[in-house]
């Protein structure tokens, strides 16, 4: 039985809720959510070429010179899936053009969140590094402060999520994302 393949990307600034939206869309429509963030984490664990991607992400760099993660081929998928952004892929025009060369997107959703809201969200965000699970101390806190609910391991706050770094990240995102959003209009 042939399955429908939905190729969608959710764009938005850091802290806009891309991952949350993708999970909700996948759950609502019976899709499997494939996250570029998960691909990057798997590549980093496996020692693949995306180590530079992890380094760029870890240091908050928007211009990632490394190749994009390999997308799973349709032939390997037994269920419909939605490919969507994790750490904001595609974030640059070059990444968007590379993605267009790999596959034709069915849908692009661009999240538009006020920067003041994003500053508040990012400053309260803590992450479980191994899984990428995100907590927000204001509206999605862990059961025990500073501890991942599933593994009991410590949570960390990225240097980029500390209040002093948030404004600079959002300005960089706005500059880099404008041509990507224009491309997909």
N, C-alpha and C. Protein backbone atom coordinates (compact mmCIF):
# COMPACT_ATOMS: atom_id res chain seq x y z
N UNK A 1 0.84 -1.18 0.00
CA UNK A 1 0.00 0.00 0.00
C UNK A 1 0.89 1.24 0.00
N UNK A 2 0.66 2.12 -0.94
CA UNK A 2 1.47 3.33 -1.04
C UNK A 2 1.04 4.32 0.04
N UNK A 3 2.02 5.01 0.59
CA UNK A 3 1.71 5.99 1.62
C UNK A 3 1.93 7.39 1.07
N UNK A 4 1.16 8.32 1.60
CA UNK A 4 1.29 9.72 1.22
C UNK A 4 2.48 10.30 1.95
N UNK A 5 3.29 11.00 1.24
CA UNK A 5 4.45 11.65 1.81
C UNK A 5 4.19 13.15 1.83
N UNK A 6 4.24 13.74 3.01
CA UNK A 6 4.06 15.19 3.14
C UNK A 6 5.40 15.77 3.51
N UNK A 7 5.89 16.65 2.67
CA UNK A 7 7.15 17.33 2.96
C UNK A 7 6.83 18.76 3.33
N UNK A 8 6.98 19.05 4.61
CA UNK A 8 6.64 20.37 5.12
C UNK A 8 7.80 20.90 5.95
N UNK A 9 7.92 22.20 5.96
CA UNK A 9 8.92 22.86 6.78
C UNK A 9 8.19 23.94 7.59
N UNK A 10 8.54 24.00 8.87
CA UNK A 10 8.02 25.05 9.73
C UNK A 10 9.19 25.99 10.03
N UNK A 11 9.05 27.23 9.59
CA UNK A 11 10.08 28.25 9.80
C UNK A 11 9.70 29.13 10.97
N UNK A 12 10.68 29.63 11.66
CA UNK A 12 10.41 30.57 12.74
C UNK A 12 11.68 30.86 13.51
N UNK A 13 11.69 31.97 14.20
CA UNK A 13 12.86 32.34 14.99
C UNK A 13 13.08 31.37 16.14
N UNK A 14 14.26 31.40 16.74
CA UNK A 14 14.51 30.57 17.91
C UNK A 14 13.45 30.85 18.98
N UNK A 15 12.91 29.77 19.56
CA UNK A 15 11.93 29.92 20.62
C UNK A 15 10.50 30.11 20.14
N UNK A 16 10.26 30.04 18.83
CA UNK A 16 8.92 30.29 18.30
C UNK A 16 7.99 29.09 18.43
N UNK A 17 8.53 27.92 18.73
CA UNK A 17 7.68 26.74 18.90
C UNK A 17 7.62 25.83 17.69
N UNK A 18 8.67 25.87 16.85
CA UNK A 18 8.68 25.02 15.64
C UNK A 18 8.50 23.54 15.99
N UNK A 19 9.28 23.06 16.93
CA UNK A 19 9.21 21.65 17.29
C UNK A 19 7.85 21.27 17.87
N UNK A 20 7.31 22.13 18.72
CA UNK A 20 5.99 21.88 19.31
C UNK A 20 4.93 21.83 18.22
N UNK A 21 4.97 22.77 17.30
CA UNK A 21 3.99 22.80 16.21
C UNK A 21 4.10 21.54 15.35
N UNK A 22 5.32 21.14 15.04
CA UNK A 22 5.51 19.94 14.21
C UNK A 22 4.96 18.70 14.90
N UNK A 23 5.21 18.58 16.19
CA UNK A 23 4.68 17.43 16.93
C UNK A 23 3.16 17.43 16.92
N UNK A 24 2.55 18.59 17.08
CA UNK A 24 1.09 18.68 17.08
C UNK A 24 0.51 18.36 15.71
N UNK A 25 1.13 18.87 14.66
CA UNK A 25 0.68 18.58 13.29
C UNK A 25 0.78 17.09 13.02
N UNK A 26 1.91 16.50 13.38
CA UNK A 26 2.13 15.06 13.15
C UNK A 26 1.08 14.25 13.90
N UNK A 27 0.84 14.58 15.15
CA UNK A 27 -0.13 13.84 15.97
C UNK A 27 -1.54 14.01 15.39
N UNK A 28 -1.90 15.21 14.99
CA UNK A 28 -3.25 15.48 14.49
C UNK A 28 -3.55 14.78 13.17
N UNK A 29 -2.54 14.62 12.32
CA UNK A 29 -2.77 14.06 11.00
C UNK A 29 -2.18 12.67 10.82
N UNK A 30 -1.71 12.07 11.91
CA UNK A 30 -1.18 10.71 11.83
C UNK A 30 0.11 10.62 11.02
N UNK A 31 0.96 11.62 11.15
CA UNK A 31 2.22 11.65 10.43
C UNK A 31 3.36 11.32 11.37
N UNK A 32 4.47 10.90 10.80
CA UNK A 32 5.68 10.72 11.58
C UNK A 32 6.50 12.01 11.43
N UNK A 33 6.89 12.61 12.54
CA UNK A 33 7.65 13.86 12.51
C UNK A 33 9.13 13.53 12.44
N UNK A 34 9.77 13.95 11.37
CA UNK A 34 11.22 13.78 11.21
C UNK A 34 11.85 15.15 11.37
N UNK A 35 12.67 15.30 12.36
CA UNK A 35 13.23 16.60 12.70
C UNK A 35 14.67 16.71 12.25
N UNK A 36 15.01 17.84 11.64
CA UNK A 36 16.41 18.06 11.25
C UNK A 36 17.29 18.11 12.50
N UNK A 37 16.74 18.58 13.62
CA UNK A 37 17.50 18.59 14.87
C UNK A 37 17.86 17.18 15.30
N UNK A 38 16.92 16.26 15.14
CA UNK A 38 17.20 14.86 15.49
C UNK A 38 18.27 14.29 14.56
N UNK A 39 18.20 14.61 13.26
CA UNK A 39 19.23 14.14 12.32
C UNK A 39 20.61 14.64 12.74
N UNK A 40 20.68 15.92 13.14
CA UNK A 40 21.96 16.48 13.56
C UNK A 40 22.49 15.77 14.81
N UNK A 41 21.60 15.54 15.79
CA UNK A 41 22.03 14.85 17.01
C UNK A 41 22.52 13.44 16.69
N UNK A 42 21.81 12.72 15.80
CA UNK A 42 22.24 11.37 15.42
C UNK A 42 23.57 11.40 14.69
N UNK A 43 23.76 12.37 13.81
CA UNK A 43 25.04 12.50 13.10
C UNK A 43 26.18 12.79 14.06
N UNK A 44 25.92 13.63 15.06
CA UNK A 44 26.95 13.96 16.03
C UNK A 44 27.32 12.74 16.87
N UNK A 45 26.33 11.95 17.28
CA UNK A 45 26.60 10.75 18.06
C UNK A 45 27.38 9.74 17.23
N UNK A 46 27.07 9.68 15.92
CA UNK A 46 27.73 8.72 15.04
C UNK A 46 29.05 9.21 14.50
N UNK A 47 29.43 10.45 14.82
CA UNK A 47 30.70 10.99 14.35
C UNK A 47 30.69 11.35 12.88
N UNK A 48 29.49 11.61 12.33
CA UNK A 48 29.37 11.94 10.91
C UNK A 48 29.92 13.31 10.58
N UNK A 49 29.76 13.69 9.32
CA UNK A 49 30.32 14.95 8.85
C UNK A 49 29.63 16.16 9.46
N UNK A 50 28.52 15.97 10.15
CA UNK A 50 27.79 17.11 10.68
C UNK A 50 28.33 17.62 12.00
N UNK A 51 29.52 17.20 12.40
CA UNK A 51 30.11 17.73 13.64
C UNK A 51 30.19 19.25 13.57
N UNK A 52 30.51 19.78 12.40
CA UNK A 52 30.56 21.23 12.26
C UNK A 52 29.19 21.83 12.48
N UNK A 53 28.12 21.14 12.03
CA UNK A 53 26.77 21.63 12.26
C UNK A 53 26.51 21.76 13.74
N UNK A 54 26.89 20.73 14.51
CA UNK A 54 26.69 20.78 15.95
C UNK A 54 27.47 21.91 16.57
N UNK A 55 28.69 22.11 16.11
CA UNK A 55 29.51 23.18 16.63
C UNK A 55 28.88 24.54 16.31
N UNK A 56 28.38 24.69 15.09
CA UNK A 56 27.75 25.95 14.71
C UNK A 56 26.50 26.18 15.56
N UNK A 57 25.68 25.13 15.73
CA UNK A 57 24.47 25.26 16.52
C UNK A 57 24.82 25.59 17.97
N UNK A 58 25.80 24.89 18.49
CA UNK A 58 26.19 25.08 19.89
C UNK A 58 26.65 26.52 20.12
N UNK A 59 27.26 27.12 19.11
CA UNK A 59 27.76 28.48 19.26
C UNK A 59 26.81 29.52 18.68
N UNK A 60 25.59 29.09 18.29
CA UNK A 60 24.58 30.03 17.85
C UNK A 60 24.84 30.66 16.50
N UNK A 61 25.65 30.03 15.68
CA UNK A 61 25.95 30.59 14.37
C UNK A 61 24.84 30.24 13.40
N UNK A 62 24.36 31.24 12.67
CA UNK A 62 23.29 31.00 11.71
C UNK A 62 23.85 30.54 10.37
N UNK A 63 25.04 30.96 10.03
CA UNK A 63 25.64 30.58 8.76
C UNK A 63 26.38 29.26 8.96
N UNK A 64 25.74 28.17 8.64
CA UNK A 64 26.32 26.86 8.83
C UNK A 64 26.95 26.41 7.52
N UNK A 65 28.27 26.35 7.45
CA UNK A 65 28.92 26.02 6.20
C UNK A 65 28.84 24.54 5.84
N UNK A 66 28.48 23.70 6.78
CA UNK A 66 28.48 22.27 6.53
C UNK A 66 27.26 21.86 5.71
N UNK A 67 27.34 20.69 5.07
CA UNK A 67 26.20 20.23 4.30
C UNK A 67 25.01 19.95 5.20
N UNK A 68 23.82 20.02 4.60
CA UNK A 68 22.62 19.73 5.38
C UNK A 68 22.56 18.24 5.69
N UNK A 69 21.86 17.87 6.76
CA UNK A 69 21.76 16.47 7.09
C UNK A 69 21.07 15.70 5.98
N UNK A 70 21.42 14.43 5.85
CA UNK A 70 20.78 13.59 4.84
C UNK A 70 19.35 13.31 5.25
N UNK A 71 18.41 13.54 4.35
CA UNK A 71 17.02 13.24 4.63
C UNK A 71 16.78 11.77 4.33
N UNK A 72 15.87 11.14 5.08
CA UNK A 72 15.58 9.75 4.78
C UNK A 72 14.89 9.65 3.44
N UNK A 73 15.19 8.60 2.71
CA UNK A 73 14.56 8.47 1.40
C UNK A 73 13.14 7.98 1.55
N UNK A 74 12.29 8.35 0.61
CA UNK A 74 10.89 7.97 0.66
C UNK A 74 10.76 6.46 0.63
N UNK A 75 11.63 5.77 -0.08
CA UNK A 75 11.52 4.32 -0.21
C UNK A 75 11.73 3.61 1.13
N UNK A 76 12.42 4.25 2.08
CA UNK A 76 12.66 3.63 3.38
C UNK A 76 11.53 3.88 4.35
N UNK A 77 10.60 4.75 4.00
CA UNK A 77 9.52 5.11 4.92
C UNK A 77 8.30 4.24 4.67
N UNK A 78 7.77 3.62 5.74
CA UNK A 78 6.57 2.80 5.61
C UNK A 78 5.31 3.58 5.98
N UNK A 79 5.46 4.75 6.60
CA UNK A 79 4.29 5.54 6.98
C UNK A 79 4.46 6.97 6.47
N UNK A 80 3.33 7.69 6.35
CA UNK A 80 3.44 9.09 5.93
C UNK A 80 4.26 9.85 6.95
N UNK A 81 5.00 10.84 6.50
CA UNK A 81 5.75 11.63 7.46
C UNK A 81 5.80 13.08 7.05
N UNK A 82 6.10 13.87 8.03
CA UNK A 82 6.25 15.31 7.84
C UNK A 82 7.67 15.65 8.23
N UNK A 83 8.46 16.15 7.30
CA UNK A 83 9.80 16.61 7.62
C UNK A 83 9.69 18.06 8.02
N UNK A 84 10.22 18.39 9.16
CA UNK A 84 10.10 19.76 9.61
C UNK A 84 11.35 20.18 10.37
N UNK A 85 11.50 21.46 10.50
CA UNK A 85 12.70 22.02 11.08
C UNK A 85 12.83 21.72 12.56
N UNK A 86 14.06 21.47 12.98
CA UNK A 86 14.37 21.35 14.39
C UNK A 86 15.11 22.60 14.81
N UNK A 87 16.42 22.70 14.51
CA UNK A 87 17.15 23.90 14.92
C UNK A 87 16.99 25.05 13.94
N UNK A 88 15.97 25.01 13.11
CA UNK A 88 15.72 26.12 12.19
C UNK A 88 16.27 25.86 10.81
N UNK A 89 16.07 24.68 10.29
CA UNK A 89 16.54 24.33 8.95
C UNK A 89 15.35 24.33 8.01
N UNK A 90 15.41 24.99 6.87
CA UNK A 90 16.53 25.79 6.39
C UNK A 90 16.51 27.19 6.99
N UNK A 91 17.67 27.64 7.39
CA UNK A 91 17.77 28.93 8.05
C UNK A 91 18.37 29.99 7.12
N UNK A 92 19.10 29.56 6.12
CA UNK A 92 19.71 30.50 5.17
C UNK A 92 19.20 30.22 3.77
N UNK A 93 19.38 31.19 2.88
CA UNK A 93 18.94 31.01 1.50
C UNK A 93 19.67 29.83 0.86
N UNK A 94 20.95 29.68 1.14
CA UNK A 94 21.71 28.56 0.58
C UNK A 94 21.15 27.21 1.02
N UNK A 95 20.78 27.10 2.30
CA UNK A 95 20.19 25.86 2.81
C UNK A 95 18.83 25.60 2.16
N UNK A 96 18.03 26.65 1.99
CA UNK A 96 16.71 26.50 1.37
C UNK A 96 16.85 26.04 -0.08
N UNK A 97 17.81 26.62 -0.80
CA UNK A 97 18.02 26.21 -2.19
C UNK A 97 18.53 24.77 -2.26
N UNK A 98 19.38 24.37 -1.32
CA UNK A 98 19.86 22.98 -1.28
C UNK A 98 18.71 22.03 -0.99
N UNK A 99 17.83 22.41 -0.07
CA UNK A 99 16.66 21.57 0.24
C UNK A 99 15.76 21.44 -0.98
N UNK A 100 15.56 22.54 -1.70
CA UNK A 100 14.74 22.49 -2.92
C UNK A 100 15.34 21.53 -3.95
N UNK A 101 16.67 21.40 -3.96
CA UNK A 101 17.33 20.48 -4.88
C UNK A 101 17.15 19.02 -4.48
N UNK A 102 16.86 18.78 -3.19
CA UNK A 102 16.68 17.41 -2.69
C UNK A 102 15.24 16.96 -2.84
N UNK A 103 14.30 17.85 -2.52
CA UNK A 103 12.89 17.47 -2.57
C UNK A 103 12.01 18.69 -2.82
N UNK A 104 10.81 18.42 -3.28
CA UNK A 104 9.84 19.49 -3.50
C UNK A 104 8.93 19.54 -2.27
N UNK A 105 8.87 20.70 -1.65
CA UNK A 105 8.05 20.85 -0.45
C UNK A 105 6.58 20.98 -0.81
N UNK A 106 5.72 20.40 0.04
CA UNK A 106 4.27 20.53 -0.12
C UNK A 106 3.73 21.73 0.64
N UNK A 107 4.43 22.09 1.71
CA UNK A 107 3.90 23.11 2.61
C UNK A 107 5.04 23.78 3.36
N UNK A 108 4.94 25.10 3.51
CA UNK A 108 5.87 25.85 4.35
C UNK A 108 5.02 26.72 5.27
N UNK A 109 5.28 26.59 6.55
CA UNK A 109 4.58 27.40 7.56
C UNK A 109 5.62 28.32 8.19
N UNK A 110 5.32 29.60 8.23
CA UNK A 110 6.23 30.57 8.85
C UNK A 110 5.57 31.13 10.10
N UNK A 111 6.21 30.89 11.25
CA UNK A 111 5.68 31.38 12.52
C UNK A 111 6.16 32.81 12.75
N UNK A 112 5.25 33.67 13.08
CA UNK A 112 5.55 35.08 13.30
C UNK A 112 5.21 35.42 14.75
N UNK A 113 6.23 35.49 15.59
CA UNK A 113 6.06 35.71 17.03
C UNK A 113 6.77 37.01 17.40
N UNK A 114 6.13 37.87 18.19
CA UNK A 114 6.80 39.12 18.61
C UNK A 114 8.13 38.83 19.32
N UNK A 115 9.14 39.63 19.02
CA UNK A 115 10.47 39.39 19.59
C UNK A 115 10.48 39.49 21.12
N UNK A 116 9.65 40.33 21.71
CA UNK A 116 9.60 40.42 23.18
C UNK A 116 9.14 39.08 23.78
N UNK A 117 8.17 38.46 23.14
CA UNK A 117 7.69 37.15 23.59
C UNK A 117 8.81 36.12 23.48
N UNK A 118 9.54 36.17 22.37
CA UNK A 118 10.64 35.22 22.16
C UNK A 118 11.74 35.41 23.19
N UNK A 119 12.05 36.67 23.52
CA UNK A 119 13.08 36.93 24.54
C UNK A 119 12.70 36.27 25.86
N UNK A 120 11.42 36.41 26.25
CA UNK A 120 10.96 35.80 27.49
C UNK A 120 11.04 34.28 27.43
N UNK A 121 10.58 33.71 26.32
CA UNK A 121 10.59 32.25 26.16
C UNK A 121 12.01 31.69 26.21
N UNK A 122 12.90 32.29 25.43
CA UNK A 122 14.26 31.77 25.34
C UNK A 122 15.00 31.87 26.66
N UNK A 123 14.79 32.94 27.39
CA UNK A 123 15.48 33.12 28.66
C UNK A 123 15.04 32.10 29.70
N UNK A 124 13.86 31.50 29.51
CA UNK A 124 13.34 30.51 30.46
C UNK A 124 13.50 29.07 29.93
N UNK A 125 14.23 28.90 28.82
CA UNK A 125 14.34 27.58 28.18
C UNK A 125 15.54 26.81 28.70
N UNK A 126 15.32 25.53 29.02
CA UNK A 126 16.35 24.59 29.44
C UNK A 126 16.19 23.32 28.61
N UNK A 127 17.29 22.64 28.33
CA UNK A 127 17.28 21.52 27.39
C UNK A 127 17.95 20.29 28.00
N UNK A 128 17.44 19.12 27.61
CA UNK A 128 18.12 17.86 27.91
C UNK A 128 19.03 17.60 26.71
N UNK A 129 20.35 17.74 26.87
CA UNK A 129 21.27 17.71 25.72
C UNK A 129 21.21 16.42 24.89
N UNK A 130 21.10 15.28 25.51
CA UNK A 130 21.16 14.02 24.76
C UNK A 130 19.95 13.82 23.85
N UNK A 131 18.78 14.26 24.27
CA UNK A 131 17.56 14.03 23.48
C UNK A 131 17.08 15.26 22.74
N UNK A 132 17.49 16.44 23.21
CA UNK A 132 16.98 17.67 22.63
C UNK A 132 15.64 18.09 23.22
N UNK A 133 15.15 17.36 24.23
CA UNK A 133 13.89 17.70 24.88
C UNK A 133 14.01 19.08 25.50
N UNK A 134 12.99 19.91 25.25
CA UNK A 134 13.03 21.30 25.69
C UNK A 134 12.00 21.54 26.79
N UNK A 135 12.43 22.25 27.80
CA UNK A 135 11.53 22.65 28.89
C UNK A 135 11.54 24.17 28.96
N UNK A 136 10.42 24.73 29.41
CA UNK A 136 10.36 26.16 29.66
C UNK A 136 9.92 26.33 31.10
N UNK A 137 10.71 27.03 31.88
CA UNK A 137 10.44 27.15 33.30
C UNK A 137 9.15 27.91 33.60
N UNK A 138 8.62 28.65 32.62
CA UNK A 138 7.37 29.39 32.84
C UNK A 138 6.13 28.57 32.51
N UNK A 139 6.13 27.82 31.39
CA UNK A 139 4.90 27.13 30.99
C UNK A 139 5.06 25.64 30.71
N UNK A 140 6.26 25.09 30.76
CA UNK A 140 6.46 23.65 30.56
C UNK A 140 7.66 23.20 31.41
N UNK A 141 7.57 23.40 32.73
CA UNK A 141 8.72 23.07 33.57
C UNK A 141 8.84 21.56 33.78
N UNK A 142 10.05 21.08 34.08
CA UNK A 142 10.19 19.66 34.44
C UNK A 142 9.55 19.42 35.81
N UNK A 143 9.26 18.15 36.11
CA UNK A 143 8.65 17.83 37.40
C UNK A 143 9.58 18.22 38.55
N UNK A 144 10.88 18.00 38.36
CA UNK A 144 11.89 18.40 39.34
C UNK A 144 12.78 19.43 38.67
N UNK A 145 12.90 20.61 39.26
CA UNK A 145 13.65 21.69 38.64
C UNK A 145 15.07 21.25 38.30
N UNK A 146 15.46 21.50 37.02
CA UNK A 146 16.81 21.21 36.56
C UNK A 146 17.07 19.77 36.17
N UNK A 147 16.02 18.91 36.20
CA UNK A 147 16.18 17.48 35.92
C UNK A 147 15.22 17.05 34.81
N UNK A 148 15.72 16.29 33.83
CA UNK A 148 14.89 15.78 32.75
C UNK A 148 13.85 14.79 33.30
N UNK A 149 12.60 14.93 32.88
CA UNK A 149 11.52 14.08 33.38
C UNK A 149 11.71 12.61 33.05
N UNK A 150 12.26 12.30 31.88
CA UNK A 150 12.35 10.91 31.45
C UNK A 150 13.61 10.19 31.92
N UNK A 151 14.73 10.89 31.93
CA UNK A 151 16.00 10.21 32.24
C UNK A 151 16.55 10.53 33.62
N UNK A 152 16.10 11.62 34.23
CA UNK A 152 16.65 12.03 35.52
C UNK A 152 18.00 12.72 35.39
N UNK A 153 18.42 12.98 34.15
CA UNK A 153 19.71 13.65 33.91
C UNK A 153 19.53 15.16 34.02
N UNK A 154 20.63 15.88 34.27
CA UNK A 154 20.53 17.33 34.42
C UNK A 154 20.19 18.04 33.11
N UNK A 155 19.46 19.13 33.24
CA UNK A 155 19.14 20.01 32.11
C UNK A 155 20.19 21.11 32.07
N UNK A 156 20.38 21.68 30.89
CA UNK A 156 21.32 22.79 30.75
C UNK A 156 20.64 23.95 30.03
N UNK A 157 21.14 25.14 30.30
CA UNK A 157 20.70 26.30 29.55
C UNK A 157 21.83 26.69 28.62
N UNK A 158 21.51 26.74 27.34
CA UNK A 158 22.48 27.12 26.33
C UNK A 158 22.96 28.55 26.60
N UNK A 159 24.22 28.79 26.29
CA UNK A 159 24.73 30.17 26.40
C UNK A 159 23.89 31.12 25.56
N UNK A 160 23.38 30.61 24.42
CA UNK A 160 22.57 31.43 23.52
C UNK A 160 21.20 31.76 24.08
N UNK A 161 20.73 31.01 25.08
CA UNK A 161 19.42 31.26 25.68
C UNK A 161 19.51 32.16 26.90
N UNK A 162 20.71 32.51 27.28
CA UNK A 162 20.85 33.43 28.41
C UNK A 162 20.44 34.83 27.94
N UNK A 163 19.79 35.58 28.81
CA UNK A 163 19.18 36.85 28.39
C UNK A 163 20.10 37.78 27.59
N UNK A 164 21.36 37.85 27.95
CA UNK A 164 22.26 38.79 27.27
C UNK A 164 22.53 38.41 25.81
N UNK A 165 22.34 37.13 25.46
CA UNK A 165 22.62 36.68 24.09
C UNK A 165 21.38 36.64 23.20
N UNK A 166 20.20 36.65 23.79
CA UNK A 166 18.97 36.44 23.04
C UNK A 166 18.73 37.52 21.99
N UNK A 167 18.88 38.78 22.34
CA UNK A 167 18.60 39.87 21.38
C UNK A 167 19.49 39.76 20.14
N UNK A 168 20.75 39.45 20.33
CA UNK A 168 21.66 39.31 19.18
C UNK A 168 21.24 38.14 18.30
N UNK A 169 20.84 37.03 18.90
CA UNK A 169 20.39 35.86 18.13
C UNK A 169 19.17 36.21 17.28
N UNK A 170 18.25 36.93 17.86
CA UNK A 170 17.02 37.27 17.14
C UNK A 170 17.30 38.22 15.98
N UNK A 171 18.22 39.16 16.17
CA UNK A 171 18.60 40.07 15.07
C UNK A 171 19.24 39.28 13.94
N UNK A 172 20.15 38.35 14.27
CA UNK A 172 20.80 37.53 13.25
C UNK A 172 19.79 36.68 12.50
N UNK A 173 18.83 36.12 13.24
CA UNK A 173 17.81 35.30 12.60
C UNK A 173 17.01 36.13 11.60
N UNK A 174 16.59 37.32 12.03
CA UNK A 174 15.76 38.17 11.17
C UNK A 174 16.48 38.47 9.85
N UNK A 175 17.76 38.81 9.93
CA UNK A 175 18.53 39.12 8.72
C UNK A 175 18.68 37.90 7.81
N UNK A 176 18.97 36.73 8.41
CA UNK A 176 19.19 35.53 7.61
C UNK A 176 17.90 34.95 7.07
N UNK A 177 16.80 35.08 7.81
CA UNK A 177 15.54 34.44 7.43
C UNK A 177 14.76 35.19 6.36
N UNK A 178 14.98 36.49 6.26
CA UNK A 178 14.17 37.29 5.33
C UNK A 178 14.22 36.73 3.90
N UNK A 179 15.39 36.43 3.32
CA UNK A 179 15.38 35.88 1.96
C UNK A 179 14.77 34.47 1.88
N UNK A 180 14.86 33.69 2.94
CA UNK A 180 14.28 32.35 2.95
C UNK A 180 12.76 32.46 2.90
N UNK A 181 12.21 33.34 3.72
CA UNK A 181 10.76 33.56 3.74
C UNK A 181 10.29 34.07 2.39
N UNK A 182 11.04 35.00 1.81
CA UNK A 182 10.69 35.52 0.47
C UNK A 182 10.69 34.39 -0.57
N UNK A 183 11.67 33.50 -0.51
CA UNK A 183 11.76 32.38 -1.46
C UNK A 183 10.51 31.53 -1.39
N UNK A 184 10.04 31.25 -0.20
CA UNK A 184 8.89 30.34 -0.03
C UNK A 184 7.54 31.02 -0.17
N UNK A 185 7.50 32.36 -0.25
CA UNK A 185 6.21 33.04 -0.45
C UNK A 185 5.62 32.58 -1.77
